[in-house]
Amino acid sequence: QVQLVESGGGLVQAGGSLRLSCQASGSAFVSYAMGWFRQAPGKEREFVAAIGWNGKSTYYADSVKGRFTISRDNTKNALHLQMNGLKREDTAVYYCNAVVEPIEDPPRAEFASWGQGTQVTVST
């Protein structure tokens, strides 16, 4: 099991952008599909975006398609989420995790243990 540390969150105006990062260690990062999930207050954790182990396939929740872009750098054991055109509805704690393969609809997290996440707050 990998250890994952999220960063890059913050406070941003609606319409603005943020780039989240997930640093992995402790296992073979390159072997896993990876994804971003988020949890808003009072809501269940939900899928946001996923990417195959080699970066060739990407998947997005309908709510973020056209605004968010997931990428990975296997050389640096890092996962990223570029978020553009942020909306108030994007406010949540964002988490990364490995994703079960074959990738399902919606993609499902591989590991039951979650890290600290990174807070994204979108203001008006």
C-alpha atoms as a PDB file:
ATOM      1  CA  GLN A   1       0.000   0.000   0.000  1.00  0.00           C
ATOM      2  CA  VAL A   2       1.285   3.460  -0.917  1.00  0.00           C
ATOM      3  CA  GLN A   3       1.435   6.467   1.375  1.00  0.00           C
ATOM      4  CA  LEU A   4      -0.201   9.522  -0.171  1.00  0.00           C
ATOM      5  CA  VAL A   5       0.115  13.191   0.751  1.00  0.00           C
ATOM      6  CA  GLU A   6      -2.116  15.776  -0.903  1.00  0.00           C
ATOM      7  CA  SER A   7      -1.238  19.443  -1.301  1.00  0.00           C
ATOM      8  CA  GLY A   8      -2.116  22.538  -3.303  1.00  0.00           C
ATOM      9  CA  GLY A   9      -5.525  23.374  -1.915  1.00  0.00           C
ATOM     10  CA  GLY A  10      -6.527  26.812  -0.775  1.00  0.00           C
ATOM     11  CA  LEU A  11      -9.034  29.619  -1.007  1.00  0.00           C
ATOM     12  CA  VAL A  12      -9.890  30.800  -4.498  1.00  0.00           C
ATOM     13  CA  GLN A  13     -12.510  33.017  -6.096  1.00  0.00           C
ATOM     14  CA  ALA A  14     -15.177  31.437  -8.267  1.00  0.00           C
ATOM     15  CA  GLY A  15     -13.827  31.113 -11.787  1.00  0.00           C
ATOM     16  CA  GLY A  16     -10.268  30.760 -10.556  1.00  0.00           C
ATOM     17  CA  SER A  17      -7.814  27.886 -10.763  1.00  0.00           C
ATOM     18  CA  LEU A  18      -5.852  25.602  -8.476  1.00  0.00           C
ATOM     19  CA  ARG A  19      -3.425  22.766  -9.085  1.00  0.00           C
ATOM     20  CA  LEU A  20      -3.509  19.911  -6.595  1.00  0.00           C
ATOM     21  CA  SER A  21      -0.670  17.461  -6.108  1.00  0.00           C
ATOM     22  CA  CYS A  22      -0.476  14.014  -4.559  1.00  0.00           C
ATOM     23  CA  GLN A  23       2.915  12.694  -3.559  1.00  0.00           C
ATOM     24  CA  ALA A  24       3.160   8.920  -3.289  1.00  0.00           C
ATOM     25  CA  SER A  25       5.711   6.747  -1.547  1.00  0.00           C
ATOM     26  CA  GLY A  26       6.112   3.295  -0.040  1.00  0.00           C
ATOM     27  CA  SER A  27       4.967   1.156  -2.964  1.00  0.00           C
ATOM     28  CA  ALA A  28       5.043   0.800  -6.740  1.00  0.00           C
ATOM     29  CA  PHE A  29       3.194   3.950  -7.757  1.00  0.00           C
ATOM     30  CA  VAL A  30       3.653   3.167 -11.437  1.00  0.00           C
ATOM     31  CA  SER A  31       1.638  -0.049 -11.050  1.00  0.00           C
ATOM     32  CA  TYR A  32      -1.626   1.632 -10.009  1.00  0.00           C
ATOM     33  CA  ALA A  33      -4.380   3.530 -11.665  1.00  0.00           C
ATOM     34  CA  MET A  34      -4.889   6.640  -9.526  1.00  0.00           C
ATOM     35  CA  GLY A  35      -7.712   9.006  -8.800  1.00  0.00           C
ATOM     36  CA  TRP A  36      -8.971  12.064  -7.018  1.00  0.00           C
ATOM     37  CA  PHE A  37     -11.998  11.995  -4.726  1.00  0.00           C
ATOM     38  CA  ARG A  38     -13.624  14.752  -2.720  1.00  0.00           C
ATOM     39  CA  GLN A  39     -15.891  15.152   0.251  1.00  0.00           C
ATOM     40  CA  ALA A  40     -17.975  18.234   0.984  1.00  0.00           C
ATOM     41  CA  PRO A  41     -19.500  18.932   4.410  1.00  0.00           C
ATOM     42  CA  GLY A  42     -22.511  16.719   5.046  1.00  0.00           C
ATOM     43  CA  LYS A  43     -21.943  14.673   1.902  1.00  0.00           C
ATOM     44  CA  GLU A  44     -20.388  11.337   1.053  1.00  0.00           C
ATOM     45  CA  ARG A  45     -17.011  11.121  -0.589  1.00  0.00           C
ATOM     46  CA  GLU A  46     -17.362  11.144  -4.371  1.00  0.00           C
ATOM     47  CA  PHE A  47     -15.247  10.357  -7.391  1.00  0.00           C
ATOM     48  CA  VAL A  48     -13.711  13.288  -9.279  1.00  0.00           C
ATOM     49  CA  ALA A  49     -11.125  12.021 -11.780  1.00  0.00           C
ATOM     50  CA  ALA A  50      -8.993   8.970 -12.501  1.00  0.00           C
ATOM     51  CA  ILE A  51      -6.028   8.057 -14.664  1.00  0.00           C
ATOM     52  CA  GLY A  52      -4.612   4.730 -15.782  1.00  0.00           C
ATOM     53  CA  TRP A  53      -1.293   3.437 -14.542  1.00  0.00           C
ATOM     54  CA  ASN A  54       0.540   4.630 -17.649  1.00  0.00           C
ATOM     55  CA  GLY A  55      -1.413   7.869 -18.041  1.00  0.00           C
ATOM     56  CA  LYS A  56      -3.027   6.837 -21.305  1.00  0.00           C
ATOM     57  CA  SER A  57      -6.633   6.758 -20.089  1.00  0.00           C
ATOM     58  CA  THR A  58      -8.486   9.397 -18.078  1.00  0.00           C
ATOM     59  CA  TYR A  59     -11.941   9.497 -16.510  1.00  0.00           C
ATOM     60  CA  TYR A  60     -13.954  12.368 -15.060  1.00  0.00           C
ATOM     61  CA  ALA A  61     -17.117  12.905 -13.120  1.00  0.00           C
ATOM     62  CA  ASP A  62     -19.713  14.706 -15.224  1.00  0.00           C
ATOM     63  CA  SER A  63     -19.618  17.659 -12.841  1.00  0.00           C
ATOM     64  CA  VAL A  64     -15.967  18.442 -13.631  1.00  0.00           C
ATOM     65  CA  LYS A  65     -15.612  17.463 -17.291  1.00  0.00           C
ATOM     66  CA  GLY A  66     -14.094  20.259 -19.329  1.00  0.00           C
ATOM     67  CA  ARG A  67     -12.823  22.055 -16.220  1.00  0.00           C
ATOM     68  CA  PHE A  68     -10.463  19.611 -14.480  1.00  0.00           C
ATOM     69  CA  THR A  69      -7.487  17.743 -15.910  1.00  0.00           C
ATOM     70  CA  ILE A  70      -5.799  14.817 -14.183  1.00  0.00           C
ATOM     71  CA  SER A  71      -2.188  13.917 -14.903  1.00  0.00           C
ATOM     72  CA  ARG A  72       0.635  11.889 -13.409  1.00  0.00           C
ATOM     73  CA  ASP A  73       4.405  11.868 -13.369  1.00  0.00           C
ATOM     74  CA  ASN A  74       5.564   8.352 -12.607  1.00  0.00           C
ATOM     75  CA  THR A  75       9.194   9.454 -12.496  1.00  0.00           C
ATOM     76  CA  LYS A  76       8.340  11.672  -9.517  1.00  0.00           C
ATOM     77  CA  ASN A  77       5.643   9.395  -8.047  1.00  0.00           C
ATOM     78  CA  ALA A  78       3.214  12.288  -8.300  1.00  0.00           C
ATOM     79  CA  LEU A  79      -0.405  12.809  -9.284  1.00  0.00           C
ATOM     80  CA  HIS A  80      -1.903  16.189 -10.187  1.00  0.00           C
ATOM     81  CA  LEU A  81      -5.292  17.752 -10.701  1.00  0.00           C
ATOM     82  CA  GLN A  82      -5.499  21.012 -12.601  1.00  0.00           C
ATOM     83  CA  MET A  83      -8.776  22.691 -11.678  1.00  0.00           C
ATOM     84  CA  ASN A  84     -10.010  25.573 -13.811  1.00  0.00           C
ATOM     85  CA  GLY A  85     -13.256  27.490 -13.749  1.00  0.00           C
ATOM     86  CA  LEU A  86     -13.838  26.605 -10.108  1.00  0.00           C
ATOM     87  CA  LYS A  87     -17.367  26.788  -8.735  1.00  0.00           C
ATOM     88  CA  ARG A  88     -18.739  27.034  -5.207  1.00  0.00           C
ATOM     89  CA  GLU A  89     -19.899  23.438  -5.613  1.00  0.00           C
ATOM     90  CA  ASP A  90     -16.258  22.342  -5.884  1.00  0.00           C
ATOM     91  CA  THR A  91     -15.633  23.281  -2.251  1.00  0.00           C
ATOM     92  CA  ALA A  92     -14.506  20.095  -0.504  1.00  0.00           C
ATOM     93  CA  VAL A  93     -11.575  18.215   0.919  1.00  0.00           C
ATOM     94  CA  TYR A  94      -9.785  16.505  -1.963  1.00  0.00           C
ATOM     95  CA  TYR A  95      -8.134  13.116  -1.531  1.00  0.00           C
ATOM     96  CA  CYS A  96      -6.070  10.893  -3.780  1.00  0.00           C
ATOM     97  CA  ASN A  97      -6.105   7.113  -3.811  1.00  0.00           C
ATOM     98  CA  ALA A  98      -5.270   4.179  -6.007  1.00  0.00           C
ATOM     99  CA  VAL A  99      -8.154   3.082  -8.224  1.00  0.00           C
ATOM    100  CA  VAL A 100      -9.438  -0.444  -8.721  1.00  0.00           C
ATOM    101  CA  GLU A 101      -8.672  -1.962 -12.116  1.00  0.00           C
ATOM    102  CA  PRO A 102     -10.338  -2.631 -14.414  1.00  0.00           C
ATOM    103  CA  ILE A 103     -11.633   0.887 -13.891  1.00  0.00           C
ATOM    104  CA  GLU A 104     -15.320   0.919 -13.025  1.00  0.00           C
ATOM    105  CA  ASP A 105     -18.097   3.464 -13.458  1.00  0.00           C
ATOM    106  CA  PRO A 106     -17.705   5.346 -11.216  1.00  0.00           C
ATOM    107  CA  PRO A 107     -14.077   4.507 -10.432  1.00  0.00           C
ATOM    108  CA  ARG A 108     -13.639   3.007  -6.984  1.00  0.00           C
ATOM    109  CA  ALA A 109     -10.811   3.614  -4.529  1.00  0.00           C
ATOM    110  CA  GLU A 110      -8.452   0.694  -4.002  1.00  0.00           C
ATOM    111  CA  PHE A 111      -7.480   1.398  -0.406  1.00  0.00           C
ATOM    112  CA  ALA A 112      -9.838   1.863   2.530  1.00  0.00           C
ATOM    113  CA  SER A 113      -7.379   4.142   4.328  1.00  0.00           C
ATOM    114  CA  TRP A 114      -7.463   7.827   3.392  1.00  0.00           C
ATOM    115  CA  GLY A 115      -4.921  10.555   4.015  1.00  0.00           C
ATOM    116  CA  GLN A 116      -5.430  14.065   5.318  1.00  0.00           C
ATOM    117  CA  GLY A 117      -6.574  15.470   1.998  1.00  0.00           C
ATOM    118  CA  THR A 118      -6.270  19.088   0.954  1.00  0.00           C
ATOM    119  CA  GLN A 119      -8.978  21.698   1.454  1.00  0.00           C
ATOM    120  CA  VAL A 120     -10.335  23.572  -1.549  1.00  0.00           C
ATOM    121  CA  THR A 121     -12.628  26.495  -0.789  1.00  0.00           C
ATOM    122  CA  VAL A 122     -14.252  28.448  -3.598  1.00  0.00           C
ATOM    123  CA  SER A 123     -15.701  31.818  -2.644  1.00  0.00           C
ATOM    124  CA  THR A 124     -17.961  34.323  -4.345  1.00  0.00           C
END
